Each structure stands twice: as C-alpha cells, then as structure tokens.
C-alpha cells in the first residue's frame, strides 16, 4: 500500500511511511494522521499511542475510523471472523477512549458513519438521503469516527 500511495498519490507536502510506532519513531512530525480499522488490531495500545503522539506536532489532528461494535452487522461480521481464526477483535470505545486520553489525545469529536456496509458499491438515491439521518444513532453507524487532538 505504501508503494501504491507513493506512486499514485505523490505530493510535495505528503509523505508515506511504514513504521512500527510501538517500537520505532518516524523522522517527521506531522500535522495530520489518518487511520482506518487499525486500533482494534493493536494488542498493546499504550506504546503504540506513544508512537503516534511522537509522530504528531502539538495540536495536530488524528482522524481515526474504527468498526462500531454497537452496529449489528459489524458485531456479527467481526465475531464471525474471530471464530474463523482471523486476528479480528471488536473495537471497544469504553476501553480505548480512556487510554487515548491518558496517552495525550483529546477526543474533540465522535460520530457514527456508514450505515450501509462497504460491500454495497452504490446506494440507490431514493434511500441515500436516509444515511446521514440514520448515522446519528449509535446502533446504526457502521463505523465510529474520532477526531483526536494531540496535546
């Protein structure tokens, strides 16, 4: 993915790095970080979050998107993958948020998104307008989207 990003999405002010933030530190300090479906795979959050914090400047934003354990489809899907032997676990906000705060991240926004599963390529226009309304409810958004600020 790094090679693809460097080849297809190269910009002068964007840098793609492959770093194990639990043990290594990147050579740059960023103003923005983005992760999708990552945190629920990290088994030891504190050293990883320490690495993320070190990679960001003070006041930087981290947009983190995680599967919403409260969404029935997500809960069922991740449970099924775990039973099949894959390294898949549920993201538990009630466990992660205190660890994020302790690591020096402020949760500036938490919202829910993606009512329709990702395998639906195109949502019919007649029901697409419903998605933003339904995503307001914790049980209906397939993902929890965090905006985190590094202190």
Protein backbone atom coordinates (compact mmCIF):
# COMPACT_ATOMS: atom_id res chain seq x y z
CA UNK A 1 0.00 0.00 0.00
CA UNK A 2 2.90 2.34 0.73
CA UNK A 3 4.40 1.75 -2.72
CA UNK A 4 0.99 2.31 -4.33
CA UNK A 5 0.45 5.54 -2.37
CA UNK A 6 3.90 6.87 -3.22
CA UNK A 7 3.40 6.06 -6.90
CA UNK A 8 -0.22 7.19 -7.36
CA UNK A 9 -0.71 9.88 -4.73
CA UNK A 10 2.64 11.65 -4.51
CA UNK A 11 2.55 15.27 -3.40
CA UNK A 12 5.36 17.53 -2.23
CA UNK A 13 3.77 18.04 1.18
CA UNK A 14 2.71 14.40 1.76
CA UNK A 15 4.96 11.62 2.96
CA UNK A 16 4.08 7.92 3.26
CA UNK A 17 5.99 5.96 5.89
CA UNK A 18 5.92 2.38 7.08
CA UNK A 19 6.89 2.45 10.76
CA UNK A 20 6.05 0.23 13.72
CA UNK A 21 5.03 3.03 16.06
CA UNK A 22 5.13 0.70 19.05
CA UNK A 23 8.91 0.45 18.80
CA UNK A 24 10.18 2.99 16.24
CA UNK A 25 9.72 6.69 15.72
CA UNK A 26 9.25 8.40 12.36
CA UNK A 27 11.70 11.08 11.28
CA UNK A 28 9.00 13.73 10.80
CA UNK A 29 6.36 15.40 12.93
CA UNK A 30 3.02 15.61 11.16
CA UNK A 31 0.05 17.95 11.42
CA UNK A 32 -2.46 15.26 10.48
CA UNK A 33 -2.77 11.49 10.72
CA UNK A 34 -5.47 9.16 9.43
CA UNK A 35 -6.17 5.56 10.31
CA UNK A 36 -8.96 3.21 9.37
CA UNK A 37 -9.75 -0.05 11.13
CA UNK A 38 -6.39 -0.03 12.89
CA UNK A 39 -6.77 0.39 16.64
CA UNK A 40 -8.78 -2.78 17.19
CA UNK A 41 -5.81 -4.76 15.84
CA UNK A 42 -3.26 -3.20 18.22
CA UNK A 43 -2.85 -5.51 21.21
CA UNK A 44 -0.80 -3.16 23.39
CA UNK A 45 -2.21 0.34 22.88
CA UNK A 46 -0.06 2.48 25.23
CA UNK A 47 3.30 2.07 23.40
CA UNK A 48 1.58 2.41 20.03
CA UNK A 49 -0.23 5.59 21.10
CA UNK A 50 3.04 6.95 22.47
CA UNK A 51 4.49 6.46 18.99
CA UNK A 52 1.54 8.17 17.30
CA UNK A 53 1.82 11.07 19.71
CA UNK A 54 5.56 11.37 18.97
CA UNK A 55 4.79 11.44 15.24
CA UNK A 56 2.40 14.39 15.59
CA UNK A 57 3.02 18.02 16.41
CA UNK A 58 1.22 19.60 19.36
CA UNK A 59 -2.31 20.49 18.25
CA UNK A 60 -2.21 18.03 15.34
CA UNK A 61 -5.35 16.12 14.38
CA UNK A 62 -5.70 12.36 14.10
CA UNK A 63 -8.80 11.11 12.30
CA UNK A 64 -9.37 7.52 13.44
CA UNK A 65 -12.13 5.34 11.98
CA UNK A 66 -12.99 2.10 13.77
CA UNK A 67 -15.72 -0.53 13.36
CA UNK A 68 -18.73 0.24 15.55
CA UNK A 69 -19.27 -2.71 17.89
CA UNK A 70 -22.82 -1.49 18.51
CA UNK A 71 -23.84 -1.93 14.85
CA UNK A 72 -25.43 -5.39 14.47
CA UNK A 73 -23.81 -6.17 11.10
CA UNK A 74 -20.34 -5.13 12.31
CA UNK A 75 -20.69 -7.09 15.54
CA UNK A 76 -21.78 -10.21 13.67
CA UNK A 77 -19.14 -9.85 10.96
CA UNK A 78 -16.20 -9.38 13.34
CA UNK A 79 -17.39 -12.19 15.61
CA UNK A 80 -17.59 -14.47 12.59
CA UNK A 81 -14.03 -13.59 11.51
CA UNK A 82 -12.73 -14.22 15.02
CA UNK A 83 -14.43 -17.63 15.19
CA UNK A 84 -12.82 -18.46 11.83
CA UNK A 85 -9.39 -17.90 13.38
CA UNK A 86 -8.60 -14.45 12.00
CA UNK A 87 -6.94 -11.83 14.19
CA UNK A 88 -10.09 -9.76 14.43
CA UNK A 89 -11.50 -8.25 17.57
CA UNK A 90 -14.12 -5.65 18.36
CA UNK A 91 -13.19 -2.03 18.95
CA UNK A 92 -14.44 -1.19 22.43
CA UNK A 93 -14.76 2.60 22.83
CA UNK A 94 -15.27 2.35 26.59
CA UNK A 95 -11.80 0.75 26.85
CA UNK A 96 -9.99 2.73 24.15
CA UNK A 97 -11.11 6.27 24.99
CA UNK A 98 -9.54 6.40 28.49
CA UNK A 99 -6.28 5.01 27.05
CA UNK A 100 -6.36 7.62 24.27
CA UNK A 101 -6.84 10.40 26.81
CA UNK A 102 -4.08 9.07 29.07
CA UNK A 103 -1.74 8.99 26.05
CA UNK A 104 -2.31 12.72 25.43
CA UNK A 105 -5.16 12.76 22.92
CA UNK A 106 -8.33 14.76 23.37
CA UNK A 107 -11.47 13.35 21.75
CA UNK A 108 -12.73 16.51 20.02
CA UNK A 109 -15.44 14.70 18.07
CA UNK A 110 -17.04 11.26 17.99
CA UNK A 111 -19.63 10.47 15.38
CA UNK A 112 -21.03 7.45 13.59
CA UNK A 113 -20.90 6.88 9.85
CA UNK A 114 -21.50 4.35 7.11
CA UNK A 115 -24.95 2.95 7.78
CA UNK A 116 -24.71 0.88 4.60
CA UNK A 117 -21.96 -1.80 4.58
CA UNK A 118 -18.89 -1.16 2.43
CA UNK A 119 -19.68 -4.03 0.08
CA UNK A 120 -22.63 -2.02 -1.27
CA UNK A 121 -20.93 -0.16 -4.11
CA UNK A 122 -23.74 2.22 -4.82
CA UNK A 123 -26.63 3.14 -2.58
CA UNK A 124 -29.81 3.95 -4.53
CA UNK A 125 -30.56 7.66 -4.47
CA UNK A 126 -34.03 7.00 -3.13
CA UNK A 127 -32.54 5.76 0.17
CA UNK A 128 -29.12 7.52 0.19
CA UNK A 129 -30.63 10.62 1.79
CA UNK A 130 -31.57 8.47 4.80
CA UNK A 131 -27.99 7.53 5.63
CA UNK A 132 -26.92 10.80 7.34
CA UNK A 133 -30.12 10.76 9.40
CA UNK A 134 -29.68 7.14 10.48
CA UNK A 135 -25.98 7.58 11.29
CA UNK A 136 -26.88 9.91 14.16
CA UNK A 137 -27.84 6.84 16.19
CA UNK A 138 -25.04 4.83 17.77
CA UNK A 139 -26.56 1.49 16.77
CA UNK A 140 -26.86 2.38 13.10
CA UNK A 141 -23.49 3.78 12.03
CA UNK A 142 -21.14 1.00 10.89
CA UNK A 143 -18.08 2.97 12.00
CA UNK A 144 -17.19 5.26 14.84
CA UNK A 145 -15.20 8.24 13.59
CA UNK A 146 -12.95 10.05 16.02
CA UNK A 147 -11.31 13.41 15.64
CA UNK A 148 -8.45 13.40 18.14
CA UNK A 149 -6.18 16.29 19.03
CA UNK A 150 -2.65 15.77 20.29
CA UNK A 151 -1.93 17.80 23.43
